[in-house]
All heavy atoms as atom14 arrays in JSON, in Angstrom:
{
  "sequence": "YFEIGQMGIEHALLPEKGLVVAGDVVIGAD",
  "atom14_mask": [
    [1, 1, 1, 1, 1, 1, 1, 1, 1, 1, 1, 1, 0, 0],
    [1, 1, 1, 1, 1, 1, 1, 1, 1, 1, 1, 0, 0, 0],
    [1, 1, 1, 1, 1, 1, 1, 1, 1, 0, 0, 0, 0, 0],
    [1, 1, 1, 1, 1, 1, 1, 1, 0, 0, 0, 0, 0, 0],
    [1, 1, 1, 1, 0, 0, 0, 0, 0, 0, 0, 0, 0, 0],
    [1, 1, 1, 1, 1, 1, 1, 1, 1, 0, 0, 0, 0, 0],
    [1, 1, 1, 1, 1, 1, 1, 1, 0, 0, 0, 0, 0, 0],
    [1, 1, 1, 1, 0, 0, 0, 0, 0, 0, 0, 0, 0, 0],
    [1, 1, 1, 1, 1, 1, 1, 1, 0, 0, 0, 0, 0, 0],
    [1, 1, 1, 1, 1, 1, 1, 1, 1, 0, 0, 0, 0, 0],
    [1, 1, 1, 1, 1, 1, 1, 1, 1, 1, 0, 0, 0, 0],
    [1, 1, 1, 1, 1, 0, 0, 0, 0, 0, 0, 0, 0, 0],
    [1, 1, 1, 1, 1, 1, 1, 1, 0, 0, 0, 0, 0, 0],
    [1, 1, 1, 1, 1, 1, 1, 1, 0, 0, 0, 0, 0, 0],
    [1, 1, 1, 1, 1, 1, 1, 0, 0, 0, 0, 0, 0, 0],
    [1, 1, 1, 1, 1, 1, 1, 1, 1, 0, 0, 0, 0, 0],
    [1, 1, 1, 1, 1, 1, 1, 1, 1, 0, 0, 0, 0, 0],
    [1, 1, 1, 1, 0, 0, 0, 0, 0, 0, 0, 0, 0, 0],
    [1, 1, 1, 1, 1, 1, 1, 1, 0, 0, 0, 0, 0, 0],
    [1, 1, 1, 1, 1, 1, 1, 0, 0, 0, 0, 0, 0, 0],
    [1, 1, 1, 1, 1, 1, 1, 0, 0, 0, 0, 0, 0, 0],
    [1, 1, 1, 1, 1, 0, 0, 0, 0, 0, 0, 0, 0, 0],
    [1, 1, 1, 1, 0, 0, 0, 0, 0, 0, 0, 0, 0, 0],
    [1, 1, 1, 1, 1, 1, 1, 1, 0, 0, 0, 0, 0, 0],
    [1, 1, 1, 1, 1, 1, 1, 0, 0, 0, 0, 0, 0, 0],
    [1, 1, 1, 1, 1, 1, 1, 0, 0, 0, 0, 0, 0, 0],
    [1, 1, 1, 1, 1, 1, 1, 1, 0, 0, 0, 0, 0, 0],
    [1, 1, 1, 1, 0, 0, 0, 0, 0, 0, 0, 0, 0, 0],
    [1, 1, 1, 1, 1, 0, 0, 0, 0, 0, 0, 0, 0, 0],
    [1, 1, 1, 1, 1, 1, 1, 1, 0, 0, 0, 0, 0, 0]
  ],
  "atom14_positions": [
    [[47.59, -33.91, -84.49], [46.41, -34.69, -84.86], [46.2, -35.72, -83.79], [47.12, -36.54, -83.52], [46.54, -35.29, -86.23], [45.44, -36.23, -86.62], [44.16, -35.71, -86.92], [45.63, -37.6, -86.61], [43.17, -36.52, -87.25], [44.61, -38.49, -86.94], [43.33, -37.96, -87.25], [42.26, -38.8, -87.61], [0.0, 0.0, 0.0], [0.0, 0.0, 0.0]],
    [[45.05, -35.76, -83.18], [44.8, -36.61, -82.06], [43.57, -37.45, -82.22], [42.43, -36.89, -82.27], [44.71, -35.82, -80.73], [45.83, -34.91, -80.48], [45.83, -33.57, -80.71], [47.1, -35.44, -80.03], [46.87, -32.74, -80.49], [48.18, -34.62, -79.79], [48.03, -33.25, -79.99], [0.0, 0.0, 0.0], [0.0, 0.0, 0.0], [0.0, 0.0, 0.0]],
    [[43.76, -38.73, -82.43], [42.61, -39.56, -82.6], [42.54, -40.59, -81.43], [43.13, -40.42, -80.33], [42.66, -40.4, -83.92], [41.27, -40.61, -84.5], [41.32, -41.29, -85.81], [42.41, -41.38, -86.5], [40.25, -41.84, -86.27], [0.0, 0.0, 0.0], [0.0, 0.0, 0.0], [0.0, 0.0, 0.0], [0.0, 0.0, 0.0], [0.0, 0.0, 0.0]],
    [[41.65, -41.65, -81.61], [41.38, -42.62, -80.53], [42.67, -43.15, -79.93], [43.56, -43.49, -80.66], [40.5, -43.8, -81.12], [39.11, -43.28, -81.51], [40.38, -44.86, -80.07], [38.28, -44.24, -82.25], [0.0, 0.0, 0.0], [0.0, 0.0, 0.0], [0.0, 0.0, 0.0], [0.0, 0.0, 0.0], [0.0, 0.0, 0.0], [0.0, 0.0, 0.0]],
    [[42.71, -43.17, -78.64], [43.93, -43.6, -77.89], [44.74, -42.44, -77.47], [45.48, -42.52, -76.42], [0.0, 0.0, 0.0], [0.0, 0.0, 0.0], [0.0, 0.0, 0.0], [0.0, 0.0, 0.0], [0.0, 0.0, 0.0], [0.0, 0.0, 0.0], [0.0, 0.0, 0.0], [0.0, 0.0, 0.0], [0.0, 0.0, 0.0], [0.0, 0.0, 0.0]],
    [[44.72, -41.31, -78.21], [45.44, -40.08, -77.82], [44.51, -38.93, -77.6], [44.88, -37.94, -76.95], [46.39, -39.71, -78.91], [47.36, -40.79, -79.35], [48.14, -40.33, -80.6], [48.62, -39.2, -80.63], [48.27, -41.22, -81.57], [0.0, 0.0, 0.0], [0.0, 0.0, 0.0], [0.0, 0.0, 0.0], [0.0, 0.0, 0.0], [0.0, 0.0, 0.0]],
    [[43.24, -39.06, -78.13], [42.46, -37.88, -78.27], [41.7, -37.56, -76.9], [41.89, -38.22, -75.91], [41.36, -38.09, -79.3], [40.54, -39.41, -79.2], [39.2, -39.22, -78.03], [38.09, -38.18, -78.95], [0.0, 0.0, 0.0], [0.0, 0.0, 0.0], [0.0, 0.0, 0.0], [0.0, 0.0, 0.0], [0.0, 0.0, 0.0], [0.0, 0.0, 0.0]],
    [[40.96, -36.5, -77.05], [40.16, -36.09, -75.89], [39.17, -35.05, -76.53], [39.11, -34.8, -77.69], [0.0, 0.0, 0.0], [0.0, 0.0, 0.0], [0.0, 0.0, 0.0], [0.0, 0.0, 0.0], [0.0, 0.0, 0.0], [0.0, 0.0, 0.0], [0.0, 0.0, 0.0], [0.0, 0.0, 0.0], [0.0, 0.0, 0.0], [0.0, 0.0, 0.0]],
    [[38.27, -34.51, -75.73], [37.45, -33.48, -76.2], [38.3, -32.24, -76.46], [39.09, -31.82, -75.6], [36.3, -33.13, -75.15], [35.51, -34.43, -74.89], [35.44, -32.02, -75.63], [34.45, -34.28, -73.8], [0.0, 0.0, 0.0], [0.0, 0.0, 0.0], [0.0, 0.0, 0.0], [0.0, 0.0, 0.0], [0.0, 0.0, 0.0], [0.0, 0.0, 0.0]],
    [[38.25, -31.71, -77.65], [39.22, -30.74, -78.13], [39.48, -29.54, -77.12], [40.74, -29.29, -76.99], [38.76, -30.17, -79.48], [37.36, -29.52, -79.43], [36.82, -29.29, -80.83], [37.47, -28.86, -81.71], [35.52, -29.54, -81.01], [0.0, 0.0, 0.0], [0.0, 0.0, 0.0], [0.0, 0.0, 0.0], [0.0, 0.0, 0.0], [0.0, 0.0, 0.0]],
    [[38.57, -29.01, -76.53], [38.85, -27.83, -75.71], [39.42, -28.17, -74.36], [39.86, -27.26, -73.66], [37.56, -26.98, -75.56], [36.89, -26.7, -76.87], [37.67, -26.16, -77.94], [35.65, -26.88, -77.39], [36.87, -26.04, -79.0], [35.66, -26.43, -78.7], [0.0, 0.0, 0.0], [0.0, 0.0, 0.0], [0.0, 0.0, 0.0], [0.0, 0.0, 0.0]],
    [[39.41, -29.47, -74.02], [40.12, -29.86, -72.8], [41.55, -30.37, -73.15], [42.5, -30.18, -72.41], [39.34, -30.99, -72.14], [0.0, 0.0, 0.0], [0.0, 0.0, 0.0], [0.0, 0.0, 0.0], [0.0, 0.0, 0.0], [0.0, 0.0, 0.0], [0.0, 0.0, 0.0], [0.0, 0.0, 0.0], [0.0, 0.0, 0.0], [0.0, 0.0, 0.0]],
    [[41.66, -30.82, -74.42], [42.89, -31.45, -74.84], [43.95, -30.44, -75.15], [45.1, -30.63, -74.76], [42.61, -32.34, -76.08], [43.75, -33.16, -76.56], [44.17, -34.26, -75.56], [43.45, -33.82, -77.94], [0.0, 0.0, 0.0], [0.0, 0.0, 0.0], [0.0, 0.0, 0.0], [0.0, 0.0, 0.0], [0.0, 0.0, 0.0], [0.0, 0.0, 0.0]],
    [[43.61, -29.37, -75.87], [44.65, -28.42, -76.34], [45.36, -27.72, -75.14], [46.62, -27.73, -75.16], [44.05, -27.4, -77.25], [44.23, -27.69, -78.8], [43.59, -28.99, -79.13], [43.73, -26.6, -79.64], [0.0, 0.0, 0.0], [0.0, 0.0, 0.0], [0.0, 0.0, 0.0], [0.0, 0.0, 0.0], [0.0, 0.0, 0.0], [0.0, 0.0, 0.0]],
    [[44.7, -27.27, -74.15], [45.41, -26.71, -72.96], [46.23, -27.78, -72.29], [47.39, -27.49, -71.87], [44.29, -26.19, -72.04], [43.12, -26.01, -72.92], [43.22, -27.05, -73.99], [0.0, 0.0, 0.0], [0.0, 0.0, 0.0], [0.0, 0.0, 0.0], [0.0, 0.0, 0.0], [0.0, 0.0, 0.0], [0.0, 0.0, 0.0], [0.0, 0.0, 0.0]],
    [[45.68, -28.98, -72.17], [46.42, -30.05, -71.5], [47.72, -30.42, -72.26], [48.77, -30.66, -71.66], [45.5, -31.32, -71.46], [46.14, -32.5, -70.79], [45.17, -33.78, -70.86], [44.24, -33.75, -70.04], [45.33, -34.64, -71.76], [0.0, 0.0, 0.0], [0.0, 0.0, 0.0], [0.0, 0.0, 0.0], [0.0, 0.0, 0.0], [0.0, 0.0, 0.0]],
    [[47.67, -30.29, -73.59], [48.82, -30.62, -74.39], [49.82, -29.38, -74.48], [50.9, -29.44, -75.05], [48.45, -30.96, -75.82], [47.69, -32.24, -75.91], [48.53, -33.47, -75.73], [47.86, -34.78, -76.0], [48.7, -35.98, -75.79], [0.0, 0.0, 0.0], [0.0, 0.0, 0.0], [0.0, 0.0, 0.0], [0.0, 0.0, 0.0], [0.0, 0.0, 0.0]],
    [[49.44, -28.24, -73.88], [50.29, -27.06, -73.92], [50.34, -26.37, -75.21], [51.25, -25.62, -75.56], [0.0, 0.0, 0.0], [0.0, 0.0, 0.0], [0.0, 0.0, 0.0], [0.0, 0.0, 0.0], [0.0, 0.0, 0.0], [0.0, 0.0, 0.0], [0.0, 0.0, 0.0], [0.0, 0.0, 0.0], [0.0, 0.0, 0.0], [0.0, 0.0, 0.0]],
    [[49.24, -26.59, -76.04], [49.24, -26.01, -77.37], [48.73, -24.55, -77.47], [48.81, -23.93, -78.44], [48.38, -26.86, -78.29], [48.9, -28.31, -78.52], [47.98, -29.17, -79.33], [50.34, -28.33, -79.15], [0.0, 0.0, 0.0], [0.0, 0.0, 0.0], [0.0, 0.0, 0.0], [0.0, 0.0, 0.0], [0.0, 0.0, 0.0], [0.0, 0.0, 0.0]],
    [[48.13, -24.07, -76.33], [47.66, -22.72, -76.23], [48.26, -22.09, -74.95], [48.2, -22.71, -73.89], [46.15, -22.63, -76.16], [45.67, -21.18, -76.06], [45.55, -23.29, -77.43], [0.0, 0.0, 0.0], [0.0, 0.0, 0.0], [0.0, 0.0, 0.0], [0.0, 0.0, 0.0], [0.0, 0.0, 0.0], [0.0, 0.0, 0.0], [0.0, 0.0, 0.0]],
    [[48.77, -20.85, -75.09], [49.26, -20.15, -73.95], [48.77, -18.69, -73.94], [48.16, -18.26, -74.91], [50.81, -20.18, -73.92], [51.38, -21.6, -73.75], [51.46, -19.53, -75.19], [0.0, 0.0, 0.0], [0.0, 0.0, 0.0], [0.0, 0.0, 0.0], [0.0, 0.0, 0.0], [0.0, 0.0, 0.0], [0.0, 0.0, 0.0], [0.0, 0.0, 0.0]],
    [[49.13, -18.0, -72.85], [48.68, -16.58, -72.74], [49.2, -15.79, -73.91], [50.38, -15.94, -74.36], [49.19, -15.98, -71.44], [0.0, 0.0, 0.0], [0.0, 0.0, 0.0], [0.0, 0.0, 0.0], [0.0, 0.0, 0.0], [0.0, 0.0, 0.0], [0.0, 0.0, 0.0], [0.0, 0.0, 0.0], [0.0, 0.0, 0.0], [0.0, 0.0, 0.0]],
    [[48.33, -14.9, -74.43], [48.76, -13.99, -75.5], [48.52, -14.52, -76.92], [48.69, -13.82, -77.9], [0.0, 0.0, 0.0], [0.0, 0.0, 0.0], [0.0, 0.0, 0.0], [0.0, 0.0, 0.0], [0.0, 0.0, 0.0], [0.0, 0.0, 0.0], [0.0, 0.0, 0.0], [0.0, 0.0, 0.0], [0.0, 0.0, 0.0], [0.0, 0.0, 0.0]],
    [[48.13, -15.84, -77.02], [47.85, -16.4, -78.32], [46.58, -15.85, -78.98], [45.66, -15.4, -78.23], [47.74, -17.9, -78.2], [49.1, -18.64, -78.19], [50.17, -18.06, -78.34], [49.13, -19.91, -78.0], [0.0, 0.0, 0.0], [0.0, 0.0, 0.0], [0.0, 0.0, 0.0], [0.0, 0.0, 0.0], [0.0, 0.0, 0.0], [0.0, 0.0, 0.0]],
    [[46.53, -16.0, -80.24], [45.27, -15.9, -81.04], [44.93, -17.28, -81.62], [45.71, -17.8, -82.36], [45.35, -14.87, -82.15], [44.16, -14.96, -83.07], [45.45, -13.43, -81.61], [0.0, 0.0, 0.0], [0.0, 0.0, 0.0], [0.0, 0.0, 0.0], [0.0, 0.0, 0.0], [0.0, 0.0, 0.0], [0.0, 0.0, 0.0], [0.0, 0.0, 0.0]],
    [[43.79, -17.81, -81.15], [43.36, -19.09, -81.67], [41.93, -18.98, -82.24], [41.03, -18.38, -81.7], [43.32, -20.05, -80.37], [42.91, -21.39, -80.81], [44.57, -20.06, -79.7], [0.0, 0.0, 0.0], [0.0, 0.0, 0.0], [0.0, 0.0, 0.0], [0.0, 0.0, 0.0], [0.0, 0.0, 0.0], [0.0, 0.0, 0.0], [0.0, 0.0, 0.0]],
    [[41.84, -19.63, -83.4], [40.47, -19.8, -83.97], [40.23, -21.25, -84.12], [41.08, -22.08, -84.37], [40.32, -19.09, -85.34], [41.32, -19.59, -86.35], [40.53, -17.52, -85.14], [41.0, -19.15, -87.78], [0.0, 0.0, 0.0], [0.0, 0.0, 0.0], [0.0, 0.0, 0.0], [0.0, 0.0, 0.0], [0.0, 0.0, 0.0], [0.0, 0.0, 0.0]],
    [[38.94, -21.61, -84.03], [38.52, -23.01, -84.22], [37.16, -23.05, -84.86], [36.32, -22.28, -84.52], [0.0, 0.0, 0.0], [0.0, 0.0, 0.0], [0.0, 0.0, 0.0], [0.0, 0.0, 0.0], [0.0, 0.0, 0.0], [0.0, 0.0, 0.0], [0.0, 0.0, 0.0], [0.0, 0.0, 0.0], [0.0, 0.0, 0.0], [0.0, 0.0, 0.0]],
    [[36.98, -24.07, -85.65], [35.7, -24.3, -86.29], [34.78, -25.11, -85.31], [34.36, -26.2, -85.58], [35.9, -25.0, -87.62], [0.0, 0.0, 0.0], [0.0, 0.0, 0.0], [0.0, 0.0, 0.0], [0.0, 0.0, 0.0], [0.0, 0.0, 0.0], [0.0, 0.0, 0.0], [0.0, 0.0, 0.0], [0.0, 0.0, 0.0], [0.0, 0.0, 0.0]],
    [[34.6, -24.47, -84.2], [33.72, -24.95, -83.17], [33.44, -23.84, -82.24], [34.35, -23.12, -81.8], [34.34, -26.13, -82.41], [33.41, -26.71, -81.36], [33.33, -26.23, -80.17], [32.72, -27.71, -81.71], [0.0, 0.0, 0.0], [0.0, 0.0, 0.0], [0.0, 0.0, 0.0], [0.0, 0.0, 0.0], [0.0, 0.0, 0.0], [0.0, 0.0, 0.0]]
  ]
}
């Protein structure tokens, strides 16, 4: 959970945080 001070625009933030890698299945309400 990333809010002000830690957050970013979600689709730039998740790769930067290493939360998505090759071979994953990811769904998002966006």
